[in-house]
Amino acid sequence: MSNALEPAVRAALSALPPGGRIVCALSGGTDSVAMTHCVMTVGAAMGLRVEAAHFNHRLRGAASDRDEAFVRALCRGWSLPLAVGYGSIDSRGAGVEDAARRARYAFLFGAAGDDFLATAHTMDDQAETVLLQLVRGTGLRGLGGMAPVRGRLLRPLLGLRRADTEGYLRAYGLPHTDDETNSGDAYRRNRLRHAALPLLAEENPRIVPALADMAARLRQDEALLAQLTEQALAQARQGAALDCAAANALHPALRARVLRAFAPVELTARHTRALEALIAGQSGSAAVSLPGGWTARRAYDRLWMDPARAETWQPAVLSVPGVAELPGWRIECTICTSEGETSQNRYTFYFSRDTITGQLRLRPRQTGDTLRLPGGSRTLKRLMIDRKIPAWERDALPVLEDNGGVLAVPGLGAQQDRLAPAGAPALRVAFLWQAEVDGGTANVP
């Protein structure tokens, strides 16, 4: 067996538990045939279950079907279980490479399920990937290229050259197919392989391992920065919001990463720059539109991420006992015995049953609404301003009332003279932000 492939494959397979299953992505080309044969041989000796998966993109007509037939015959000869998938990808689109890759990986990961997937990327593929990222424009993560291990995805040949897989096939007399599109220059990767890399090799004959070594070092740097970002984000968080001053004081490299980590959607460089300007500005209220319908809003000294939501909502009745659903909220009412003041908070209230008149209703705020809190009676508008609740959140806060007037507003409090003392019969009303109910993160005022 090849001295190059066997130790690399054995090291990669050591990540699998005893009796584990691994699926090899088998296109029929040189690299994938060599890897699959080696994984099959080494894996059998390690007591692992090895299978193969092939995706027919149907981009090359009869040639694609020929590759599928070759892979099927190869796996039959090896008695290797094989899963085959199909895709219909428009070959006329400018993004055909990316679309084909997404479709292929969707199938491959589906075939692997909760088990491991192995792909046959080599060091040459790594060098091409780094150059591709450089040409497209990227940051540290892109220049780090492909990792040998990413979750349950293994790339056992990433430290080897194509010459190693070619030598393996010769040593074992293994057949393979050739993708004729690899010899043309229709795709950018091919152009880099045929033109850019040879020119770079004239300046540095070891350009391929040099690019691979650089990518490995940059992945280490990226891992460290990811840890620092997590720490900085934790320090800058204020509940569900981000402290603008704390984020703005960070080093620019760390600040951009914190903003990207805080955002619920993937940000472009343009969106990241817009968020940096937002937290650095002096305006007490400003906003930036983000992908997916999200909006980043600055309110006072906090940055909030606001999802797309309906502008208005209709009042609702809260049954006793019962549950009411409003946009973003779930409100639960139960009959119980009051646990006293120590159990009261700004989102859970125990009301004296003797003071409730008529139905419990939930509605948006109205001009003149007031709450009598321990410090005295104040309008909802003034309370919301003092609590620095963003203006766009104020109409989303449900006001709980009965025939006697306002009872409570989540995040602000409840009428003090309507609360039940400890041990008294009570109605417990709990306001739950829907993200809490669904197990997500809450944008709670």
Protein backbone atom coordinates (compact mmCIF):
# COMPACT_ATOMS: atom_id res chain seq x y z
CA MET A 1 0.00 0.00 0.00
CA SER A 2 1.12 3.57 -0.71
CA ASN A 3 3.37 4.93 2.03
CA ALA A 4 1.78 8.35 1.52
CA LEU A 5 -1.94 7.53 1.57
CA GLU A 6 -2.10 4.85 4.26
CA PRO A 7 -0.82 6.88 7.24
CA ALA A 8 -2.88 9.92 6.21
CA VAL A 9 -6.05 7.89 5.89
CA ARG A 10 -5.39 5.94 9.08
CA ALA A 11 -4.91 9.19 11.01
CA ALA A 12 -8.15 10.60 9.63
CA LEU A 13 -10.14 7.46 10.41
CA SER A 14 -8.94 7.53 14.01
CA ALA A 15 -11.64 10.15 14.59
CA LEU A 16 -14.33 7.50 14.09
CA PRO A 17 -15.67 5.44 17.00
CA PRO A 18 -15.21 1.64 16.89
CA GLY A 19 -17.63 0.21 14.37
CA GLY A 20 -18.33 3.68 13.00
CA ARG A 21 -19.58 4.44 9.50
CA ILE A 22 -17.93 6.66 6.90
CA VAL A 23 -19.23 7.60 3.45
CA CYS A 24 -16.68 8.36 0.72
CA ALA A 25 -17.56 10.94 -1.95
CA LEU A 26 -16.71 9.00 -5.12
CA SER A 27 -16.78 10.92 -8.39
CA GLY A 28 -14.75 8.36 -10.31
CA GLY A 29 -11.73 10.63 -10.75
CA THR A 30 -8.16 9.87 -9.73
CA ASP A 31 -8.28 11.37 -6.25
CA SER A 32 -11.66 9.97 -5.20
CA VAL A 33 -10.90 6.45 -6.45
CA ALA A 34 -7.57 6.40 -4.61
CA MET A 35 -9.10 7.73 -1.40
CA THR A 36 -12.10 5.39 -1.47
CA HIS A 37 -9.95 2.32 -2.10
CA CYS A 38 -7.56 3.29 0.70
CA VAL A 39 -10.37 4.14 3.15
CA MET A 40 -12.08 0.85 2.28
CA THR A 41 -8.89 -1.14 2.91
CA VAL A 42 -7.70 0.67 6.04
CA GLY A 43 -11.24 1.01 7.40
CA ALA A 44 -11.89 -2.71 7.10
CA ALA A 45 -8.79 -3.42 9.17
CA MET A 46 -10.06 -0.94 11.79
CA GLY A 47 -13.51 -2.52 11.95
CA LEU A 48 -15.27 0.45 10.31
CA ARG A 49 -18.25 0.44 7.96
CA VAL A 50 -17.28 2.08 4.66
CA GLU A 51 -19.75 3.17 1.99
CA ALA A 52 -19.64 5.41 -1.09
CA ALA A 53 -21.85 8.16 -2.54
CA HIS A 54 -21.90 9.55 -6.08
CA PHE A 55 -23.73 12.64 -7.33
CA ASN A 56 -24.65 12.94 -11.00
CA HIS A 57 -24.96 16.67 -11.77
CA ARG A 58 -26.22 15.91 -15.27
CA LEU A 59 -24.15 18.85 -16.51
CA ARG A 60 -22.18 16.87 -19.12
CA GLY A 61 -24.92 14.75 -20.64
CA ALA A 62 -23.73 11.30 -21.64
CA ALA A 63 -20.36 11.87 -19.96
CA SER A 64 -22.08 12.36 -16.58
CA ASP A 65 -24.02 9.13 -17.06
CA ARG A 66 -20.79 7.39 -18.07
CA ASP A 67 -19.16 8.44 -14.79
CA GLU A 68 -22.14 7.13 -12.84
CA ALA A 69 -22.00 3.80 -14.65
CA PHE A 70 -18.26 3.56 -13.96
CA VAL A 71 -18.74 4.23 -10.24
CA ARG A 72 -21.56 1.70 -10.02
CA ALA A 73 -19.41 -0.98 -11.67
CA LEU A 74 -16.43 -0.13 -9.47
CA CYS A 75 -18.46 -0.42 -6.27
CA ARG A 76 -20.03 -3.70 -7.40
CA GLY A 77 -16.55 -5.11 -7.95
CA TRP A 78 -15.52 -3.92 -4.51
CA SER A 79 -18.79 -5.06 -2.85
CA LEU A 80 -19.03 -1.50 -1.55
CA PRO A 81 -22.49 -0.07 -0.73
CA LEU A 82 -23.23 2.93 -2.96
CA ALA A 83 -25.77 5.75 -2.85
CA VAL A 84 -26.40 7.75 -6.04
CA GLY A 85 -28.03 11.16 -6.26
CA TYR A 86 -29.08 13.35 -9.17
CA GLY A 87 -29.33 17.07 -9.82
CA SER A 88 -30.63 19.34 -12.55
CA ILE A 89 -28.40 22.40 -12.65
CA ASP A 90 -28.63 25.11 -15.29
CA SER A 91 -25.27 25.03 -17.06
CA ARG A 92 -25.91 28.45 -18.58
CA GLY A 93 -25.71 30.33 -15.30
CA ALA A 94 -22.61 32.24 -14.25
CA GLY A 95 -22.73 30.56 -10.85
CA VAL A 96 -22.94 27.01 -12.12
CA GLU A 97 -19.84 25.90 -10.17
CA ASP A 98 -21.23 27.14 -6.89
CA ALA A 99 -24.71 25.75 -7.59
CA ALA A 100 -23.25 22.35 -8.47
CA ARG A 101 -21.14 22.32 -5.32
CA ARG A 102 -24.11 23.17 -3.09
CA ALA A 103 -26.27 20.48 -4.69
CA ARG A 104 -23.48 17.90 -4.41
CA TYR A 105 -22.80 18.58 -0.74
CA ALA A 106 -26.49 18.61 0.11
CA PHE A 107 -26.74 15.08 -1.27
CA LEU A 108 -23.46 13.87 0.25
CA PHE A 109 -24.28 15.08 3.75
CA GLY A 110 -27.75 13.59 3.39
CA ALA A 111 -26.20 10.25 2.42
CA ALA A 112 -23.86 10.37 5.41
CA GLY A 113 -26.59 11.40 7.84
CA ASP A 114 -25.18 11.53 11.36
CA ASP A 115 -22.04 9.64 10.31
CA PHE A 116 -18.78 10.84 8.75
CA LEU A 117 -18.23 12.02 5.18
CA ALA A 118 -14.83 11.86 3.46
CA THR A 119 -13.87 13.92 0.41
CA ALA A 120 -10.70 13.52 -1.67
CA HIS A 121 -9.39 17.10 -1.68
CA THR A 122 -5.61 17.24 -1.99
CA MET A 123 -2.99 19.88 -1.28
CA ASP A 124 -3.28 20.98 -4.91
CA ASP A 125 -7.01 21.59 -4.39
CA GLN A 126 -6.15 23.57 -1.27
CA ALA A 127 -3.75 25.84 -3.17
CA GLU A 128 -6.36 26.43 -5.88
CA THR A 129 -9.02 27.19 -3.26
CA VAL A 130 -6.81 29.79 -1.54
CA LEU A 131 -6.14 31.50 -4.88
CA LEU A 132 -9.85 31.42 -5.73
CA GLN A 133 -10.69 33.11 -2.44
CA LEU A 134 -7.96 35.69 -3.01
CA VAL A 135 -9.30 36.53 -6.47
CA ARG A 136 -12.88 36.79 -5.22
CA GLY A 137 -11.87 38.96 -2.29
CA THR A 138 -11.95 37.49 1.17
CA GLY A 139 -10.79 37.78 4.75
CA LEU A 140 -8.81 35.58 7.05
CA ARG A 141 -11.37 32.78 7.07
CA GLY A 142 -11.39 32.49 3.29
CA LEU A 143 -7.60 32.51 3.05
CA GLY A 144 -7.56 29.64 5.53
CA GLY A 145 -8.94 27.42 2.80
CA MET A 146 -10.28 23.99 3.70
CA ALA A 147 -9.79 22.37 7.09
CA PRO A 148 -8.76 18.69 7.35
CA VAL A 149 -11.68 18.17 9.74
CA ARG A 150 -14.89 20.21 9.88
CA GLY A 151 -17.45 18.60 12.11
CA ARG A 152 -18.14 15.21 10.51
CA LEU A 153 -16.46 16.13 7.24
CA LEU A 154 -13.01 14.59 6.80
CA ARG A 155 -10.44 15.43 4.13
CA PRO A 156 -7.79 12.73 4.68
CA LEU A 157 -5.71 13.63 1.59
CA LEU A 158 -5.40 17.35 2.25
CA GLY A 159 -1.73 17.00 3.14
CA LEU A 160 -0.90 15.02 -0.03
CA ARG A 161 -0.28 15.99 -3.66
CA ARG A 162 -2.12 14.77 -6.73
CA ALA A 163 1.03 12.91 -7.66
CA ASP A 164 0.47 10.75 -4.56
CA THR A 165 -3.00 9.66 -5.68
CA GLU A 166 -1.79 9.05 -9.23
CA GLY A 167 1.01 6.85 -7.88
CA TYR A 168 -1.48 4.97 -5.72
CA LEU A 169 -3.63 4.12 -8.75
CA ARG A 170 -0.60 2.91 -10.69
CA ALA A 171 0.60 0.79 -7.78
CA TYR A 172 -2.77 -0.98 -7.48
CA GLY A 173 -3.72 -0.92 -11.15
CA LEU A 174 -6.94 0.94 -10.38
CA PRO A 175 -9.05 2.50 -13.16
CA HIS A 176 -10.53 5.99 -13.09
CA THR A 177 -12.53 8.40 -15.25
CA ASP A 178 -11.46 11.79 -16.58
CA ASP A 179 -13.71 14.84 -16.51
CA GLU A 180 -13.05 16.48 -19.86
CA THR A 181 -14.10 19.89 -18.51
CA ASN A 182 -10.97 19.89 -16.31
CA SER A 183 -8.81 20.33 -19.41
CA GLY A 184 -10.65 23.48 -20.56
CA ASP A 185 -10.64 27.00 -19.17
CA ALA A 186 -14.38 27.63 -18.90
CA TYR A 187 -14.19 27.70 -15.09
CA ARG A 188 -12.08 30.01 -12.97
CA ARG A 189 -10.55 27.19 -10.96
CA ASN A 190 -9.27 25.61 -14.18
CA ARG A 191 -7.78 28.91 -15.34
CA LEU A 192 -5.93 29.30 -12.06
CA ARG A 193 -4.73 25.69 -12.27
CA HIS A 194 -3.54 25.96 -15.86
CA ALA A 195 -2.19 29.53 -15.91
CA ALA A 196 -1.73 31.20 -12.52
CA LEU A 197 -0.19 28.32 -10.56
CA PRO A 198 2.45 27.50 -13.22
CA LEU A 199 3.50 31.17 -13.30
CA LEU A 200 3.73 31.26 -9.52
CA ALA A 201 5.71 28.01 -9.56
CA GLU A 202 8.33 29.72 -11.72
CA GLU A 203 8.90 32.14 -8.83
CA ASN A 204 8.58 29.48 -6.13
CA PRO A 205 8.66 25.80 -7.14
CA ARG A 206 7.07 24.97 -3.77
CA ILE A 207 4.14 27.33 -4.23
CA VAL A 208 1.53 24.62 -3.59
CA PRO A 209 2.88 23.52 -0.17
CA ALA A 210 3.65 27.16 0.61
CA LEU A 211 0.01 28.14 0.08
CA ALA A 212 -1.16 25.10 2.05
CA ASP A 213 1.16 25.96 4.95
CA MET A 214 -0.06 29.55 4.92
CA ALA A 215 -3.69 28.38 5.01
CA ALA A 216 -2.96 26.14 8.01
CA ARG A 217 -1.37 29.03 9.92
CA LEU A 218 -4.24 31.35 9.09
CA ARG A 219 -6.76 28.78 10.32
CA GLN A 220 -4.95 28.82 13.65
CA ASP A 221 -5.14 32.62 13.72
CA GLU A 222 -8.82 32.44 12.81
CA ALA A 223 -9.49 29.99 15.65
CA LEU A 224 -7.84 32.31 18.18
CA LEU A 225 -9.72 35.35 16.88
CA ALA A 226 -12.96 33.40 17.09
CA GLN A 227 -12.31 32.78 20.80
CA LEU A 228 -11.49 36.46 21.37
CA THR A 229 -14.63 37.44 19.48
CA GLU A 230 -16.79 35.22 21.67
CA GLN A 231 -15.29 36.77 24.80
CA ALA A 232 -15.64 40.33 23.51
CA LEU A 233 -19.24 39.73 22.46
CA ALA A 234 -20.11 38.36 25.90
CA GLN A 235 -18.63 41.47 27.53
CA ALA A 236 -20.39 43.89 25.17
CA ARG A 237 -23.81 42.27 25.41
CA GLN A 238 -26.48 43.96 27.47
CA GLY A 239 -29.23 41.37 27.59
CA ALA A 240 -30.48 41.01 24.03
CA ALA A 241 -28.78 44.24 22.93
CA LEU A 242 -25.18 45.27 22.27
CA ASP A 243 -23.50 48.11 24.14
CA CYS A 244 -22.48 50.53 21.38
CA ALA A 245 -19.69 52.19 23.35
CA ALA A 246 -18.16 48.87 24.39
CA ALA A 247 -18.27 47.52 20.84
CA ASN A 248 -16.95 50.74 19.34
CA ALA A 249 -13.95 50.70 21.72
CA LEU A 250 -12.74 47.35 20.38
CA HIS A 251 -9.85 46.97 17.95
CA PRO A 252 -11.26 47.37 14.39
CA ALA A 253 -10.49 43.75 13.50
CA LEU A 254 -12.28 42.50 16.60
CA ARG A 255 -15.10 45.04 16.35
CA ALA A 256 -16.11 43.85 12.87
CA ARG A 257 -16.10 40.24 14.02
CA VAL A 258 -18.23 41.02 17.07
CA LEU A 259 -20.80 42.78 14.91
CA ARG A 260 -20.92 39.85 12.49
CA ALA A 261 -21.28 37.40 15.39
CA PHE A 262 -24.03 39.51 16.98
CA ALA A 263 -26.04 39.79 13.77
CA PRO A 264 -28.63 37.00 13.22
CA VAL A 265 -27.84 36.85 9.49
CA GLU A 266 -24.64 36.69 7.44
CA LEU A 267 -23.30 40.17 6.72
CA THR A 268 -21.48 41.45 3.67
CA ALA A 269 -18.52 43.80 4.05
CA ARG A 270 -20.86 46.67 3.18
CA HIS A 271 -23.33 45.74 5.93
CA THR A 272 -20.50 45.39 8.44
CA ARG A 273 -19.19 48.87 7.61
CA ALA A 274 -22.72 50.27 7.97
CA LEU A 275 -23.05 48.72 11.44
CA GLU A 276 -19.68 50.14 12.46
CA ALA A 277 -20.86 53.59 11.41
CA LEU A 278 -24.12 53.04 13.29
CA ILE A 279 -22.48 52.27 16.64
CA ALA A 280 -19.92 55.05 16.18
CA GLY A 281 -22.53 57.71 15.38
CA GLN A 282 -23.98 60.23 17.81
CA SER A 283 -27.62 59.76 16.86
CA GLY A 284 -29.79 58.38 19.64
CA SER A 285 -32.02 56.62 17.13
CA ALA A 286 -30.92 55.24 13.75
CA ALA A 287 -31.26 52.04 11.75
CA VAL A 288 -29.57 49.90 9.08
CA SER A 289 -31.41 47.39 6.88
CA LEU A 290 -29.89 43.90 6.88
CA PRO A 291 -30.50 40.81 4.73
CA GLY A 292 -33.49 38.60 5.45
CA GLY A 293 -35.77 41.43 6.51
CA TRP A 294 -33.80 42.15 9.68
CA THR A 295 -33.09 45.68 10.85
CA ALA A 296 -30.25 46.83 13.09
CA ARG A 297 -31.52 49.68 15.23
CA ARG A 298 -29.63 51.94 17.57
CA ALA A 299 -31.64 53.21 20.52
CA TYR A 300 -29.75 55.42 22.94
CA ASP A 301 -26.52 53.50 23.61
CA ARG A 302 -27.78 50.05 22.61
CA LEU A 303 -27.83 48.16 19.31
CA TRP A 304 -30.81 45.88 18.71
CA MET A 305 -31.53 43.33 15.99
CA ASP A 306 -35.16 43.60 14.99
CA PRO A 307 -36.83 40.93 12.81
CA ALA A 308 -39.42 41.72 10.19
CA ARG A 309 -42.79 41.96 11.89
CA ALA A 310 -46.29 43.22 11.32
CA GLU A 311 -46.67 46.93 12.05
CA THR A 312 -50.02 46.53 13.83
CA TRP A 313 -51.81 43.82 15.77
CA GLN A 314 -55.36 43.32 16.93
CA PRO A 315 -56.45 43.34 20.59
CA ALA A 316 -57.17 39.96 22.16
CA VAL A 317 -59.02 38.53 25.15
CA LEU A 318 -57.05 36.60 27.79
CA SER A 319 -59.19 33.82 29.24
CA VAL A 320 -59.06 32.89 32.94
CA PRO A 321 -57.31 30.50 32.89
CA GLY A 322 -56.00 30.57 29.35
CA VAL A 323 -53.34 31.51 26.82
CA ALA A 324 -53.18 34.35 24.28
CA GLU A 325 -50.81 34.57 21.32
CA LEU A 326 -49.70 37.96 19.99
CA PRO A 327 -46.95 38.83 17.49
CA GLY A 328 -43.77 37.92 19.36
CA TRP A 329 -45.58 37.14 22.64
CA ARG A 330 -47.25 34.28 24.47
CA ILE A 331 -49.28 35.35 27.52
CA GLU A 332 -50.37 32.72 30.04
CA CYS A 333 -52.99 33.18 32.77
CA THR A 334 -53.43 30.69 35.62
CA ILE A 335 -55.39 30.62 38.89
CA CYS A 336 -53.15 30.13 41.90
CA THR A 337 -52.08 31.41 45.30
CA SER A 338 -49.85 34.48 45.24
CA GLU A 339 -46.21 33.91 46.08
CA GLY A 340 -45.86 37.50 47.25
CA GLU A 341 -43.69 40.42 46.21
CA THR A 342 -40.49 38.40 46.00
CA SER A 343 -41.94 36.49 43.03
CA GLN A 344 -43.06 39.61 41.15
CA ASN A 345 -40.94 40.80 38.24
CA ARG A 346 -41.50 42.92 35.18
CA TYR A 347 -42.87 39.97 33.19
CA THR A 348 -44.80 37.85 35.73
CA PHE A 349 -47.54 39.31 37.93
CA TYR A 350 -49.91 38.00 40.64
CA PHE A 351 -53.14 39.99 40.64
CA SER A 352 -55.69 39.94 43.43
CA ARG A 353 -58.72 38.09 42.11
CA ASP A 354 -61.04 40.37 44.09
CA THR A 355 -59.88 43.44 42.12
CA ILE A 356 -60.40 42.00 38.61
CA THR A 357 -63.57 43.32 36.91
CA GLY A 358 -64.79 42.12 33.54
CA GLN A 359 -62.61 40.44 30.93
CA LEU A 360 -58.84 40.52 30.77
CA ARG A 361 -57.85 42.17 27.50
CA LEU A 362 -54.58 42.75 25.66
CA ARG A 363 -54.20 45.80 23.42
CA PRO A 364 -51.59 48.26 22.12
CA ARG A 365 -50.82 51.30 24.24
CA GLN A 366 -53.05 54.36 24.05
CA THR A 367 -52.46 58.02 24.76
CA GLY A 368 -52.95 58.70 28.46
CA ASP A 369 -52.23 55.16 29.71
CA THR A 370 -50.64 55.23 33.17
CA LEU A 371 -49.17 52.80 35.68
CA ARG A 372 -48.98 53.23 39.44
CA LEU A 373 -45.59 51.80 40.43
CA PRO A 374 -43.78 51.94 43.80
CA GLY A 375 -42.41 55.37 42.89
CA GLY A 376 -45.78 56.82 41.93
CA SER A 377 -48.08 57.03 38.93
CA ARG A 378 -46.51 57.76 35.53
CA THR A 379 -47.56 57.62 31.89
CA LEU A 380 -46.49 54.66 29.81
CA LYS A 381 -44.77 57.03 27.39
CA ARG A 382 -42.54 58.47 30.12
CA LEU A 383 -41.84 55.03 31.60
CA MET A 384 -40.78 53.69 28.20
CA ILE A 385 -38.48 56.65 27.62
CA ASP A 386 -36.92 56.30 31.07
CA ARG A 387 -36.43 52.55 30.57
CA LYS A 388 -34.84 53.31 27.16
CA ILE A 389 -37.22 51.02 25.32
CA PRO A 390 -36.65 51.61 21.59
CA ALA A 391 -39.41 53.61 19.91
CA TRP A 392 -40.17 50.84 17.41
CA GLU A 393 -40.67 48.35 20.27
CA ARG A 394 -43.20 50.41 22.21
CA ASP A 395 -46.27 49.58 20.15
CA ALA A 396 -45.32 45.89 20.22
CA LEU A 397 -45.64 45.78 24.02
CA PRO A 398 -49.09 44.43 24.99
CA VAL A 399 -51.04 46.39 27.59
CA LEU A 400 -53.06 44.16 29.94
CA GLU A 401 -56.32 45.73 31.16
CA ASP A 402 -59.73 44.93 32.59
CA ASN A 403 -62.81 47.11 33.09
CA GLY A 404 -60.97 48.91 35.87
CA GLY A 405 -58.14 50.09 33.61
CA VAL A 406 -54.53 49.19 32.88
CA LEU A 407 -53.21 46.25 34.92
CA ALA A 408 -49.67 45.73 33.62
CA VAL A 409 -47.21 46.13 30.76
CA PRO A 410 -44.37 43.61 30.33
CA GLY A 411 -41.01 45.21 30.93
CA LEU A 412 -42.55 48.11 32.88
CA GLY A 413 -44.54 46.67 35.78
CA ALA A 414 -48.07 46.41 37.21
CA GLN A 415 -50.56 48.57 39.08
CA GLN A 416 -49.41 48.27 42.68
CA ASP A 417 -52.90 48.39 44.17
CA ARG A 418 -54.04 45.44 42.00
CA LEU A 419 -51.34 42.97 43.12
CA ALA A 420 -52.12 40.14 45.53
CA PRO A 421 -50.25 39.72 48.83
CA ALA A 422 -48.50 36.44 49.59
CA GLY A 423 -50.92 33.58 50.25
CA ALA A 424 -53.95 35.31 48.74
CA PRO A 425 -56.01 33.92 45.82
CA ALA A 426 -54.49 35.30 42.66
CA LEU A 427 -54.40 35.33 38.89
CA ARG A 428 -50.85 34.71 37.66
CA VAL A 429 -50.17 36.39 34.31
CA ALA A 430 -46.84 35.60 32.66
CA PHE A 431 -45.58 37.39 29.54
CA LEU A 432 -43.23 35.19 27.53
CA TRP A 433 -41.29 36.52 24.55
CA GLN A 434 -41.94 34.05 21.71
CA ALA A 435 -38.20 33.41 21.20
CA GLU A 436 -38.07 32.10 24.77
CA VAL A 437 -40.98 29.76 24.07
CA ASP A 438 -39.27 28.50 20.90
CA GLY A 439 -35.88 28.11 22.60
CA GLY A 440 -34.25 31.02 20.78
CA THR A 441 -32.79 34.34 21.87
CA ALA A 442 -35.06 37.10 23.05
CA ASN A 443 -35.10 40.76 22.03
CA VAL A 444 -36.78 41.64 25.33
CA PRO A 445 -36.98 45.33 26.28
